N, C-alpha and C. Protein backbone atom coordinates (compact mmCIF):
# COMPACT_ATOMS: atom_id res chain seq x y z
N MET A 1 -6.14 3.74 12.17
CA MET A 1 -5.84 4.62 11.06
C MET A 1 -4.66 5.50 11.45
N THR A 2 -3.83 5.79 10.51
CA THR A 2 -2.66 6.62 10.73
C THR A 2 -3.03 8.09 10.63
N SER A 3 -2.37 8.91 11.43
CA SER A 3 -2.64 10.34 11.38
C SER A 3 -2.17 10.91 10.05
N ALA A 4 -2.73 12.04 9.64
CA ALA A 4 -2.35 12.68 8.38
C ALA A 4 -0.88 13.07 8.40
N GLU A 5 -0.38 13.49 9.55
CA GLU A 5 1.02 13.88 9.64
C GLU A 5 1.94 12.69 9.42
N GLU A 6 1.60 11.56 10.02
CA GLU A 6 2.41 10.36 9.85
C GLU A 6 2.34 9.88 8.41
N ALA A 7 1.16 9.89 7.82
CA ALA A 7 0.99 9.43 6.44
C ALA A 7 1.78 10.30 5.47
N ALA A 8 1.87 11.59 5.74
CA ALA A 8 2.60 12.49 4.84
C ALA A 8 4.09 12.17 4.82
N GLY A 9 4.62 11.60 5.88
CA GLY A 9 6.03 11.29 5.95
C GLY A 9 6.40 9.92 5.42
N LEU A 10 5.45 9.15 4.96
CA LEU A 10 5.73 7.80 4.47
C LEU A 10 6.38 7.83 3.10
N GLN A 11 7.24 6.87 2.83
CA GLN A 11 7.87 6.71 1.52
C GLN A 11 7.10 5.65 0.74
N TRP A 12 6.24 6.09 -0.16
CA TRP A 12 5.38 5.18 -0.91
C TRP A 12 6.11 4.63 -2.13
N ARG A 13 5.82 3.37 -2.46
CA ARG A 13 6.35 2.77 -3.67
C ARG A 13 5.25 1.96 -4.33
N ARG A 14 5.33 1.85 -5.64
CA ARG A 14 4.32 1.10 -6.38
C ARG A 14 4.70 -0.36 -6.46
N SER A 15 3.69 -1.18 -6.49
CA SER A 15 3.91 -2.60 -6.62
C SER A 15 4.60 -2.92 -7.94
N SER A 16 5.55 -3.80 -7.91
CA SER A 16 6.22 -4.21 -9.15
C SER A 16 5.27 -5.01 -10.03
N TYR A 17 4.16 -5.47 -9.49
CA TYR A 17 3.17 -6.22 -10.25
C TYR A 17 2.08 -5.33 -10.83
N SER A 18 2.09 -4.05 -10.53
CA SER A 18 1.09 -3.13 -11.07
C SER A 18 1.48 -2.81 -12.51
N ASP A 19 0.87 -3.50 -13.44
CA ASP A 19 1.17 -3.30 -14.85
C ASP A 19 -0.14 -3.05 -15.56
N SER A 20 -0.40 -1.80 -15.84
CA SER A 20 -1.67 -1.42 -16.43
C SER A 20 -1.40 -0.46 -17.57
N SER A 21 -2.35 -0.35 -18.48
CA SER A 21 -2.21 0.63 -19.56
C SER A 21 -2.27 2.05 -19.01
N ASN A 22 -2.83 2.20 -17.82
CA ASN A 22 -2.87 3.50 -17.15
C ASN A 22 -1.95 3.40 -15.94
N GLY A 23 -0.84 4.12 -15.98
CA GLY A 23 0.15 4.05 -14.92
C GLY A 23 -0.34 4.48 -13.56
N ASN A 24 -1.52 5.08 -13.50
CA ASN A 24 -2.06 5.52 -12.21
C ASN A 24 -2.93 4.47 -11.54
N ASP A 25 -3.17 3.34 -12.21
CA ASP A 25 -3.99 2.26 -11.64
C ASP A 25 -3.09 1.30 -10.88
N CYS A 26 -2.57 1.76 -9.76
CA CYS A 26 -1.60 0.97 -9.02
C CYS A 26 -1.92 0.93 -7.54
N VAL A 27 -1.40 -0.08 -6.91
CA VAL A 27 -1.39 -0.15 -5.46
C VAL A 27 -0.04 0.39 -5.02
N GLU A 28 -0.04 1.23 -4.00
CA GLU A 28 1.20 1.75 -3.44
C GLU A 28 1.33 1.28 -2.01
N VAL A 29 2.55 0.99 -1.61
CA VAL A 29 2.82 0.44 -0.28
C VAL A 29 3.91 1.27 0.38
N ALA A 30 3.78 1.48 1.68
CA ALA A 30 4.82 2.12 2.48
C ALA A 30 4.98 1.31 3.75
N THR A 31 6.21 1.03 4.10
CA THR A 31 6.45 0.31 5.35
C THR A 31 7.00 1.28 6.39
N ALA A 32 6.47 1.19 7.55
CA ALA A 32 6.91 1.98 8.70
C ALA A 32 6.69 1.08 9.91
N PRO A 33 7.68 0.22 10.16
CA PRO A 33 7.51 -0.77 11.24
C PRO A 33 6.94 -0.15 12.51
N PRO A 34 5.97 -0.80 13.07
CA PRO A 34 5.53 -2.17 12.82
C PRO A 34 4.30 -2.26 11.93
N ARG A 35 4.16 -1.38 10.95
CA ARG A 35 2.96 -1.37 10.10
C ARG A 35 3.33 -1.39 8.62
N VAL A 36 2.36 -1.82 7.82
CA VAL A 36 2.44 -1.73 6.37
C VAL A 36 1.23 -0.91 5.94
N HIS A 37 1.46 0.11 5.14
CA HIS A 37 0.40 1.00 4.69
C HIS A 37 0.15 0.74 3.21
N VAL A 38 -1.12 0.71 2.81
CA VAL A 38 -1.50 0.42 1.43
C VAL A 38 -2.51 1.47 0.99
N ARG A 39 -2.29 2.00 -0.24
CA ARG A 39 -3.23 3.01 -0.76
C ARG A 39 -3.39 2.84 -2.27
N ASP A 40 -4.41 3.51 -2.78
CA ASP A 40 -4.70 3.57 -4.20
C ASP A 40 -3.93 4.75 -4.78
N SER A 41 -3.14 4.53 -5.81
CA SER A 41 -2.33 5.61 -6.38
C SER A 41 -3.17 6.73 -6.96
N LYS A 42 -4.42 6.44 -7.33
CA LYS A 42 -5.29 7.49 -7.87
C LYS A 42 -5.76 8.46 -6.79
N ARG A 43 -5.66 8.05 -5.53
CA ARG A 43 -6.13 8.89 -4.42
C ARG A 43 -5.07 8.98 -3.33
N PRO A 44 -3.93 9.58 -3.64
CA PRO A 44 -2.84 9.61 -2.65
C PRO A 44 -3.19 10.37 -1.37
N ASP A 45 -4.14 11.29 -1.45
CA ASP A 45 -4.54 12.03 -0.25
C ASP A 45 -5.75 11.41 0.43
N GLY A 46 -6.25 10.31 -0.13
CA GLY A 46 -7.41 9.65 0.44
C GLY A 46 -7.02 8.70 1.56
N ALA A 47 -7.99 7.97 2.01
CA ALA A 47 -7.77 6.99 3.09
C ALA A 47 -6.87 5.87 2.59
N HIS A 48 -6.20 5.22 3.52
CA HIS A 48 -5.40 4.05 3.19
C HIS A 48 -5.52 3.03 4.30
N LEU A 49 -5.14 1.82 3.97
CA LEU A 49 -5.18 0.73 4.94
C LEU A 49 -3.88 0.69 5.73
N THR A 50 -3.98 0.37 6.99
CA THR A 50 -2.81 0.15 7.83
C THR A 50 -2.90 -1.28 8.36
N LEU A 51 -1.91 -2.10 8.01
CA LEU A 51 -1.96 -3.51 8.32
C LEU A 51 -0.75 -3.96 9.15
N ALA A 52 -0.95 -5.03 9.89
CA ALA A 52 0.17 -5.70 10.55
C ALA A 52 0.97 -6.40 9.47
N PRO A 53 2.29 -6.50 9.62
CA PRO A 53 3.09 -7.19 8.62
C PRO A 53 2.61 -8.62 8.33
N SER A 54 2.14 -9.33 9.34
CA SER A 54 1.66 -10.70 9.13
C SER A 54 0.41 -10.72 8.26
N THR A 55 -0.44 -9.71 8.40
CA THR A 55 -1.65 -9.62 7.56
C THR A 55 -1.27 -9.34 6.12
N TRP A 56 -0.33 -8.42 5.90
CA TRP A 56 0.14 -8.10 4.55
C TRP A 56 0.78 -9.33 3.91
N SER A 57 1.57 -10.05 4.66
CA SER A 57 2.22 -11.25 4.14
C SER A 57 1.18 -12.29 3.74
N ALA A 58 0.17 -12.47 4.57
CA ALA A 58 -0.89 -13.43 4.24
C ALA A 58 -1.63 -13.01 2.97
N PHE A 59 -1.88 -11.72 2.81
CA PHE A 59 -2.54 -11.23 1.60
C PHE A 59 -1.68 -11.50 0.37
N LEU A 60 -0.38 -11.22 0.46
CA LEU A 60 0.52 -11.45 -0.69
C LEU A 60 0.54 -12.92 -1.07
N THR A 61 0.56 -13.80 -0.08
CA THR A 61 0.53 -15.24 -0.35
C THR A 61 -0.75 -15.62 -1.07
N PHE A 62 -1.87 -15.10 -0.60
CA PHE A 62 -3.17 -15.37 -1.24
C PHE A 62 -3.20 -14.81 -2.66
N ALA A 63 -2.76 -13.58 -2.86
CA ALA A 63 -2.80 -12.95 -4.17
C ALA A 63 -1.90 -13.67 -5.18
N ALA A 64 -0.78 -14.21 -4.73
CA ALA A 64 0.14 -14.91 -5.61
C ALA A 64 -0.43 -16.22 -6.12
N GLN A 65 -1.42 -16.75 -5.43
CA GLN A 65 -2.03 -18.02 -5.85
C GLN A 65 -3.00 -17.84 -7.00
N GLY A 66 -3.44 -16.57 -7.21
CA GLY A 66 -4.46 -16.28 -8.22
C GLY A 66 -3.95 -16.42 -9.58
């Protein structure tokens, strides 16, 4: 897990595929090599996932098949 100080300095962006009637129902991603951080836009101060780039890439490949 990333420290609160490190998480506060991340530059978050919303997924270009997050298209909902409620603009807050999005996944947000921040890259800070060598990690990819993922959070729920409804809870920006809540916990988030910290993944290896290879894990994030594998997830994107899987999600694109759906």
